[in-house]
Amino acid sequence: MSDTSTPARPPSLLNRLYAKVLRHAGSPYAPLWLALLSFCEASFFPLPPETLLVPMVLAQRQKAWRYAAICTIASVAGGILGWVIGAMLLDYAAKPIVHFYHAEHTLAALQEKFRQWGVWIILFKGLTPIPYKFITIASGMAHFAMGPFLLASAITRGTRFFLVAALLRRFGAPIEQFIETRLPLLMGIFAVLLLGGFLALRYL
């Protein structure tokens, strides 16, 4: 009797990459990489902290709050660097970073909205898929007061990271299975949300 079962499909490149990240997420050095990623993302680096936060929490759900705190503290610290880049290094660093992302209009729109809404821009935009580096750099270019900037950054970044950690801690196994089986779809959704964030910033 012949075997008519369908052979298992090999995992895609994206899934293999995710599996590799998940394995390294449980290493002793993972928190240091998480802090570095969160710090750099707030001023110039393209990848969001959730890239590492999600697999780390899935690997060790009992440390969800610790990882969220690392993300928050490091992101706020990186935001200070972004502020300095916008306020003091406009021609040398801010413009090259913005040009790299082809986001000149985005930054100009943020500056204008800072004049209109002030701290509310940080609180709202920090929760959206819009790269946080644009908010920190625009804050510095607008010479927004450092005290309110730090407070608003801590609130908005902490809300975002602790919410992600809470969901993963509570629904870890189903979320992990969903990510593994729908990874390309999730990456597509994130790309759409990022584009939508840019469009919202331009037209709203």
Protein backbone atom coordinates (compact mmCIF):
# COMPACT_ATOMS: atom_id res chain seq x y z
CA MET A 1 0.00 0.00 0.00
CA SER A 2 1.55 3.31 -1.11
CA ASP A 3 1.89 6.28 1.17
CA THR A 4 -0.24 9.11 -0.23
CA SER A 5 0.43 11.57 2.57
CA THR A 6 1.62 15.01 1.50
CA PRO A 7 5.25 15.72 2.46
CA ALA A 8 5.75 18.49 4.99
CA ARG A 9 6.56 21.84 3.45
CA PRO A 10 9.97 23.18 4.53
CA PRO A 11 9.83 26.36 6.63
CA SER A 12 10.22 29.64 4.78
CA LEU A 13 13.26 31.89 5.13
CA LEU A 14 11.23 34.28 7.27
CA ASN A 15 10.14 31.51 9.61
CA ARG A 16 13.70 30.15 9.87
CA LEU A 17 14.96 33.63 10.74
CA TYR A 18 12.25 34.02 13.37
CA ALA A 19 13.13 30.62 14.88
CA LYS A 20 16.78 31.69 15.09
CA VAL A 21 15.86 34.95 16.84
CA LEU A 22 13.64 33.00 19.25
CA ARG A 23 16.51 30.68 20.18
CA HIS A 24 18.87 33.57 20.90
CA ALA A 25 16.19 35.48 22.81
CA GLY A 26 16.72 33.21 25.81
CA SER A 27 20.49 33.81 26.02
CA PRO A 28 22.07 35.62 29.00
CA TYR A 29 23.04 38.54 26.75
CA ALA A 30 19.55 39.06 25.31
CA PRO A 31 18.62 41.87 27.79
CA LEU A 32 21.71 43.83 26.78
CA TRP A 33 20.82 43.52 23.10
CA LEU A 34 17.24 44.53 23.91
CA ALA A 35 18.44 47.66 25.72
CA LEU A 36 20.81 48.53 22.88
CA LEU A 37 18.11 48.04 20.24
CA SER A 38 15.59 50.15 22.19
CA PHE A 39 18.16 52.92 22.71
CA CYS A 40 19.26 53.05 19.08
CA GLU A 41 15.72 52.81 17.64
CA ALA A 42 14.74 56.01 19.45
CA SER A 43 17.33 58.05 17.56
CA PHE A 44 18.46 56.41 14.31
CA PHE A 45 18.07 52.60 14.03
CA PRO A 46 15.25 51.22 11.81
CA LEU A 47 14.11 48.07 13.68
CA PRO A 48 11.49 48.50 16.45
CA PRO A 49 12.23 47.07 19.94
CA GLU A 50 9.35 44.61 19.53
CA THR A 51 11.56 42.74 17.07
CA LEU A 52 13.44 41.38 20.08
CA LEU A 53 10.94 42.04 22.88
CA VAL A 54 8.33 39.65 21.47
CA PRO A 55 10.55 36.55 21.16
CA MET A 56 12.23 37.29 24.50
CA VAL A 57 8.92 37.39 26.36
CA LEU A 58 7.74 34.27 24.53
CA ALA A 59 10.95 32.52 25.57
CA GLN A 60 10.70 33.58 29.24
CA ARG A 61 7.21 34.85 30.00
CA GLN A 62 7.95 35.19 33.73
CA LYS A 63 10.35 38.05 32.85
CA ALA A 64 7.83 40.00 30.77
CA TRP A 65 7.71 43.03 33.09
CA ARG A 66 11.50 43.18 33.35
CA TYR A 67 11.89 43.17 29.58
CA ALA A 68 9.21 45.83 29.15
CA ALA A 69 10.99 48.01 31.73
CA ILE A 70 14.31 47.58 29.90
CA CYS A 71 12.64 48.66 26.65
CA THR A 72 11.05 51.69 28.28
CA ILE A 73 14.14 52.97 30.10
CA ALA A 74 16.47 52.41 27.16
CA SER A 75 14.02 53.96 24.69
CA VAL A 76 13.62 57.10 26.80
CA ALA A 77 17.41 57.34 27.15
CA GLY A 78 17.75 56.95 23.39
CA GLY A 79 15.10 59.63 22.98
CA ILE A 80 17.45 62.07 24.71
CA LEU A 81 20.04 61.35 22.02
CA GLY A 82 17.38 61.89 19.35
CA TRP A 83 16.46 65.22 20.98
CA VAL A 84 20.13 66.29 21.01
CA ILE A 85 20.51 65.28 17.36
CA GLY A 86 17.54 67.45 16.40
CA ALA A 87 18.50 70.41 18.59
CA MET A 88 22.28 70.53 18.18
CA LEU A 89 23.30 68.32 15.26
CA LEU A 90 20.73 69.29 12.65
CA ASP A 91 23.03 69.48 9.62
CA TYR A 92 25.52 66.83 10.73
CA ALA A 93 23.19 64.05 11.92
CA ALA A 94 19.46 64.89 11.84
CA LYS A 95 19.19 65.67 8.13
CA PRO A 96 21.19 62.60 7.01
CA ILE A 97 19.03 60.33 9.21
CA VAL A 98 15.79 61.83 7.91
CA HIS A 99 17.04 61.72 4.31
CA PHE A 100 17.94 58.04 4.72
CA TYR A 101 14.27 57.29 5.48
CA HIS A 102 13.01 59.74 2.81
CA ALA A 103 10.97 61.34 5.60
CA GLU A 104 11.64 65.05 5.12
CA HIS A 105 7.91 65.76 4.81
CA THR A 106 7.16 63.62 7.87
CA LEU A 107 9.62 65.58 9.99
CA ALA A 108 8.30 68.92 8.72
CA ALA A 109 4.74 67.84 9.55
CA LEU A 110 5.82 66.80 13.05
CA GLN A 111 7.49 70.17 13.66
CA GLU A 112 4.31 71.99 12.68
CA LYS A 113 2.16 69.76 14.87
CA PHE A 114 4.51 70.32 17.81
CA ARG A 115 3.71 74.01 17.57
CA GLN A 116 -0.02 73.22 17.61
CA TRP A 117 -0.30 70.34 20.08
CA GLY A 118 2.94 70.19 22.06
CA VAL A 119 3.24 67.23 24.42
CA TRP A 120 0.16 65.51 22.99
CA ILE A 121 2.11 64.73 19.83
CA ILE A 122 4.61 62.69 21.86
CA LEU A 123 1.87 60.91 23.80
CA PHE A 124 -0.13 59.99 20.71
CA LYS A 125 2.51 59.41 18.05
CA GLY A 126 4.66 57.34 20.43
CA LEU A 127 1.97 54.64 20.39
CA THR A 128 1.68 54.47 16.60
CA PRO A 129 3.88 52.55 14.13
CA ILE A 130 5.56 55.84 13.14
CA PRO A 131 9.29 55.44 13.98
CA TYR A 132 9.85 57.10 17.35
CA LYS A 133 13.13 58.60 16.14
CA PHE A 134 11.19 61.13 14.06
CA ILE A 135 9.36 62.29 17.18
CA THR A 136 12.53 62.65 19.25
CA ILE A 137 14.42 64.46 16.49
CA ALA A 138 11.47 66.77 15.81
CA SER A 139 11.23 67.49 19.54
CA GLY A 140 14.84 68.64 19.55
CA MET A 141 14.41 70.70 16.39
CA ALA A 142 11.45 72.43 18.04
CA HIS A 143 13.54 72.85 21.24
CA PHE A 144 10.70 71.24 23.18
CA ALA A 145 11.31 71.40 26.95
CA MET A 146 13.29 68.38 28.15
CA GLY A 147 11.22 67.75 31.30
CA PRO A 148 7.84 67.33 29.58
CA PHE A 149 9.57 65.48 26.74
CA LEU A 150 11.01 62.86 29.10
CA LEU A 151 7.75 62.48 31.03
CA ALA A 152 5.65 62.08 27.89
CA SER A 153 8.20 59.67 26.40
CA ALA A 154 8.16 57.50 29.53
CA ILE A 155 4.35 57.38 29.50
CA THR A 156 3.87 56.60 25.82
CA ARG A 157 6.77 54.15 25.47
CA GLY A 158 5.97 52.44 28.75
CA THR A 159 2.33 52.04 27.73
CA ARG A 160 3.31 50.48 24.43
CA PHE A 161 5.93 48.06 25.73
CA PHE A 162 4.07 46.98 28.87
CA LEU A 163 0.91 46.39 26.84
CA VAL A 164 2.82 44.13 24.44
CA ALA A 165 4.45 42.32 27.37
CA ALA A 166 1.11 41.88 29.16
CA LEU A 167 -0.57 40.36 26.11
CA LEU A 168 2.33 38.00 25.50
CA ARG A 169 2.52 37.01 29.16
CA ARG A 170 -1.20 36.28 29.31
CA PHE A 171 -1.68 34.62 25.92
CA GLY A 172 1.86 33.43 25.21
CA ALA A 173 1.28 29.99 23.69
CA PRO A 174 -1.58 30.92 21.30
CA ILE A 175 0.22 34.09 20.22
CA GLU A 176 3.45 32.20 19.61
CA GLN A 177 1.64 29.62 17.49
CA PHE A 178 -0.15 32.36 15.55
CA ILE A 179 3.12 34.18 14.87
CA GLU A 180 4.82 31.00 13.68
CA THR A 181 2.00 30.12 11.27
CA ARG A 182 1.15 33.64 10.08
CA LEU A 183 4.52 35.43 10.15
CA PRO A 184 4.45 36.76 6.54
CA LEU A 185 0.90 38.04 7.11
CA LEU A 186 1.94 39.82 10.32
CA MET A 187 4.91 41.45 8.60
CA GLY A 188 2.59 42.65 5.84
CA ILE A 189 0.12 44.06 8.38
CA PHE A 190 2.92 45.92 10.16
CA ALA A 191 4.11 47.40 6.85
CA VAL A 192 0.56 48.58 6.10
CA LEU A 193 0.25 50.12 9.58
CA LEU A 194 3.58 51.89 9.16
CA LEU A 195 2.50 53.32 5.82
CA GLY A 196 -0.84 54.30 7.34
CA GLY A 197 0.96 56.10 10.13
CA PHE A 198 2.94 58.17 7.64
CA LEU A 199 -0.22 59.01 5.68
CA ALA A 200 -2.07 59.96 8.85
CA LEU A 201 0.77 62.23 9.84
CA ARG A 202 0.68 63.88 6.44
CA TYR A 203 -3.08 64.46 6.15
CA LEU A 204 -4.40 64.71 9.72
